[in-house]
Amino acid sequence: MQPGIHPAYRSVVFRDKAGNLAFLTRSTATSDKTIEWEDGHTYPVIDVEISSASHPFYTGNARVLDTAGRVERFQRRYGLTGSKPGAAS
């Protein structure tokens, strides 16, 4: 690597407040906020919106979409019966 052209690669804490998860890793990301980690050292902290601790897929809280119910609701709303025009009832 050429000196002086690459960003600093250092230890950073990524924190997901919604999932109550924080982990220490190395990154080039920067932050003005800091946090004291379990080892007693102070590291920059990056707050993330979602992680494996709060994502519905990983937590098992994923919603199943009811496509049949949506079609029926659409048909009720617009008065469609599903039969073709001119077909015998």
C-alpha atoms as a PDB file:
ATOM      1  CA  MET A   1       0.000   0.000   0.000  1.00  0.00           C
ATOM      2  CA  GLN A   2       1.193   3.470  -0.772  1.00  0.00           C
ATOM      3  CA  PRO A   3       1.526   5.641   2.323  1.00  0.00           C
ATOM      4  CA  GLY A   4      -0.734   8.660   2.711  1.00  0.00           C
ATOM      5  CA  ILE A   5      -3.533   7.712   0.267  1.00  0.00           C
ATOM      6  CA  HIS A   6      -5.512   5.144   2.278  1.00  0.00           C
ATOM      7  CA  PRO A   7      -7.936   5.926   5.142  1.00  0.00           C
ATOM      8  CA  ALA A   8      -6.971   4.886   8.645  1.00  0.00           C
ATOM      9  CA  TYR A   9      -7.957   1.291   9.470  1.00  0.00           C
ATOM     10  CA  ARG A  10      -8.673   1.038  13.178  1.00  0.00           C
ATOM     11  CA  SER A  11     -10.921  -0.560  15.799  1.00  0.00           C
ATOM     12  CA  VAL A  12     -14.496   0.751  15.800  1.00  0.00           C
ATOM     13  CA  VAL A  13     -17.625  -0.228  17.749  1.00  0.00           C
ATOM     14  CA  PHE A  14     -20.820  -0.713  15.753  1.00  0.00           C
ATOM     15  CA  ARG A  15     -23.925  -0.345  17.921  1.00  0.00           C
ATOM     16  CA  ASP A  16     -27.556  -1.237  17.196  1.00  0.00           C
ATOM     17  CA  LYS A  17     -29.633   0.476  19.847  1.00  0.00           C
ATOM     18  CA  ALA A  18     -32.898  -1.196  18.757  1.00  0.00           C
ATOM     19  CA  GLY A  19     -31.424  -4.677  19.103  1.00  0.00           C
ATOM     20  CA  ASN A  20     -29.262  -3.841  22.121  1.00  0.00           C
ATOM     21  CA  LEU A  21     -26.174  -5.175  20.354  1.00  0.00           C
ATOM     22  CA  ALA A  22     -22.676  -3.743  20.040  1.00  0.00           C
ATOM     23  CA  PHE A  23     -19.602  -5.341  18.568  1.00  0.00           C
ATOM     24  CA  LEU A  24     -16.000  -4.316  18.163  1.00  0.00           C
ATOM     25  CA  THR A  25     -14.388  -4.722  14.756  1.00  0.00           C
ATOM     26  CA  ARG A  26     -11.915  -2.973  12.507  1.00  0.00           C
ATOM     27  CA  SER A  27     -13.081  -0.462   9.915  1.00  0.00           C
ATOM     28  CA  THR A  28     -12.208   2.719   8.046  1.00  0.00           C
ATOM     29  CA  ALA A  29     -15.511   4.319   9.133  1.00  0.00           C
ATOM     30  CA  THR A  30     -15.166   7.488  11.195  1.00  0.00           C
ATOM     31  CA  SER A  31     -17.287   8.987  13.956  1.00  0.00           C
ATOM     32  CA  ASP A  32     -17.118  11.869  16.411  1.00  0.00           C
ATOM     33  CA  LYS A  33     -18.869   9.834  19.120  1.00  0.00           C
ATOM     34  CA  THR A  34     -16.889   7.505  21.359  1.00  0.00           C
ATOM     35  CA  ILE A  35     -17.716   4.710  23.768  1.00  0.00           C
ATOM     36  CA  GLU A  36     -15.773   2.945  26.490  1.00  0.00           C
ATOM     37  CA  TRP A  37     -15.611  -0.732  25.590  1.00  0.00           C
ATOM     38  CA  GLU A  38     -15.473  -3.755  27.903  1.00  0.00           C
ATOM     39  CA  ASP A  39     -11.672  -3.824  27.777  1.00  0.00           C
ATOM     40  CA  GLY A  40     -11.445  -0.310  29.235  1.00  0.00           C
ATOM     41  CA  HIS A  41     -10.315   1.389  26.016  1.00  0.00           C
ATOM     42  CA  THR A  42     -12.274   4.143  24.264  1.00  0.00           C
ATOM     43  CA  TYR A  43     -13.276   3.557  20.634  1.00  0.00           C
ATOM     44  CA  PRO A  44     -15.269   5.497  18.040  1.00  0.00           C
ATOM     45  CA  VAL A  45     -18.870   4.267  17.884  1.00  0.00           C
ATOM     46  CA  ILE A  46     -21.054   4.019  14.769  1.00  0.00           C
ATOM     47  CA  ASP A  47     -24.810   3.713  15.380  1.00  0.00           C
ATOM     48  CA  VAL A  48     -26.555   1.482  12.847  1.00  0.00           C
ATOM     49  CA  GLU A  49     -30.277   1.305  12.133  1.00  0.00           C
ATOM     50  CA  ILE A  50     -30.532  -2.461  11.845  1.00  0.00           C
ATOM     51  CA  SER A  51     -28.410  -5.512  12.550  1.00  0.00           C
ATOM     52  CA  SER A  52     -28.904  -9.235  12.987  1.00  0.00           C
ATOM     53  CA  ALA A  53     -30.266  -8.519  16.488  1.00  0.00           C
ATOM     54  CA  SER A  54     -33.132  -6.360  15.197  1.00  0.00           C
ATOM     55  CA  HIS A  55     -33.754  -7.536  11.612  1.00  0.00           C
ATOM     56  CA  PRO A  56     -37.098  -9.396  11.286  1.00  0.00           C
ATOM     57  CA  PHE A  57     -35.562 -12.210   9.236  1.00  0.00           C
ATOM     58  CA  TYR A  58     -32.990 -13.078  11.890  1.00  0.00           C
ATOM     59  CA  THR A  59     -35.268 -12.549  14.903  1.00  0.00           C
ATOM     60  CA  GLY A  60     -38.102 -14.704  13.531  1.00  0.00           C
ATOM     61  CA  ASN A  61     -40.576 -11.819  13.518  1.00  0.00           C
ATOM     62  CA  ALA A  62     -40.908 -11.751   9.729  1.00  0.00           C
ATOM     63  CA  ARG A  63     -44.422 -11.073   8.493  1.00  0.00           C
ATOM     64  CA  VAL A  64     -45.995 -13.363   5.933  1.00  0.00           C
ATOM     65  CA  LEU A  65     -47.812 -11.489   3.207  1.00  0.00           C
ATOM     66  CA  ASP A  66     -51.353 -12.644   2.521  1.00  0.00           C
ATOM     67  CA  THR A  67     -51.571 -12.261  -1.250  1.00  0.00           C
ATOM     68  CA  ALA A  68     -54.882 -14.125  -1.507  1.00  0.00           C
ATOM     69  CA  GLY A  69     -56.449 -11.731   0.994  1.00  0.00           C
ATOM     70  CA  ARG A  70     -55.169  -8.758  -0.968  1.00  0.00           C
ATOM     71  CA  VAL A  71     -56.691 -10.068  -4.197  1.00  0.00           C
ATOM     72  CA  GLU A  72     -60.042 -10.663  -2.505  1.00  0.00           C
ATOM     73  CA  ARG A  73     -59.978  -7.195  -0.977  1.00  0.00           C
ATOM     74  CA  PHE A  74     -59.197  -5.688  -4.392  1.00  0.00           C
ATOM     75  CA  GLN A  75     -62.112  -7.587  -5.945  1.00  0.00           C
ATOM     76  CA  ARG A  76     -64.509  -6.468  -3.184  1.00  0.00           C
ATOM     77  CA  ARG A  77     -63.375  -2.881  -3.486  1.00  0.00           C
ATOM     78  CA  TYR A  78     -63.851  -2.654  -7.233  1.00  0.00           C
ATOM     79  CA  GLY A  79     -66.845  -4.978  -7.536  1.00  0.00           C
ATOM     80  CA  LEU A  80     -65.120  -7.652  -9.584  1.00  0.00           C
ATOM     81  CA  THR A  81     -66.417 -11.186  -9.196  1.00  0.00           C
ATOM     82  CA  GLY A  82     -63.691 -12.970 -11.064  1.00  0.00           C
ATOM     83  CA  SER A  83     -65.987 -14.200 -13.842  1.00  0.00           C
ATOM     84  CA  LYS A  84     -65.500 -13.202 -17.447  1.00  0.00           C
ATOM     85  CA  PRO A  85     -68.041 -10.853 -19.050  1.00  0.00           C
ATOM     86  CA  GLY A  86     -70.725 -12.762 -20.941  1.00  0.00           C
ATOM     87  CA  ALA A  87     -70.107 -16.020 -19.106  1.00  0.00           C
ATOM     88  CA  ALA A  88     -73.129 -17.898 -17.783  1.00  0.00           C
ATOM     89  CA  SER A  89     -73.557 -17.699 -14.016  1.00  0.00           C
END
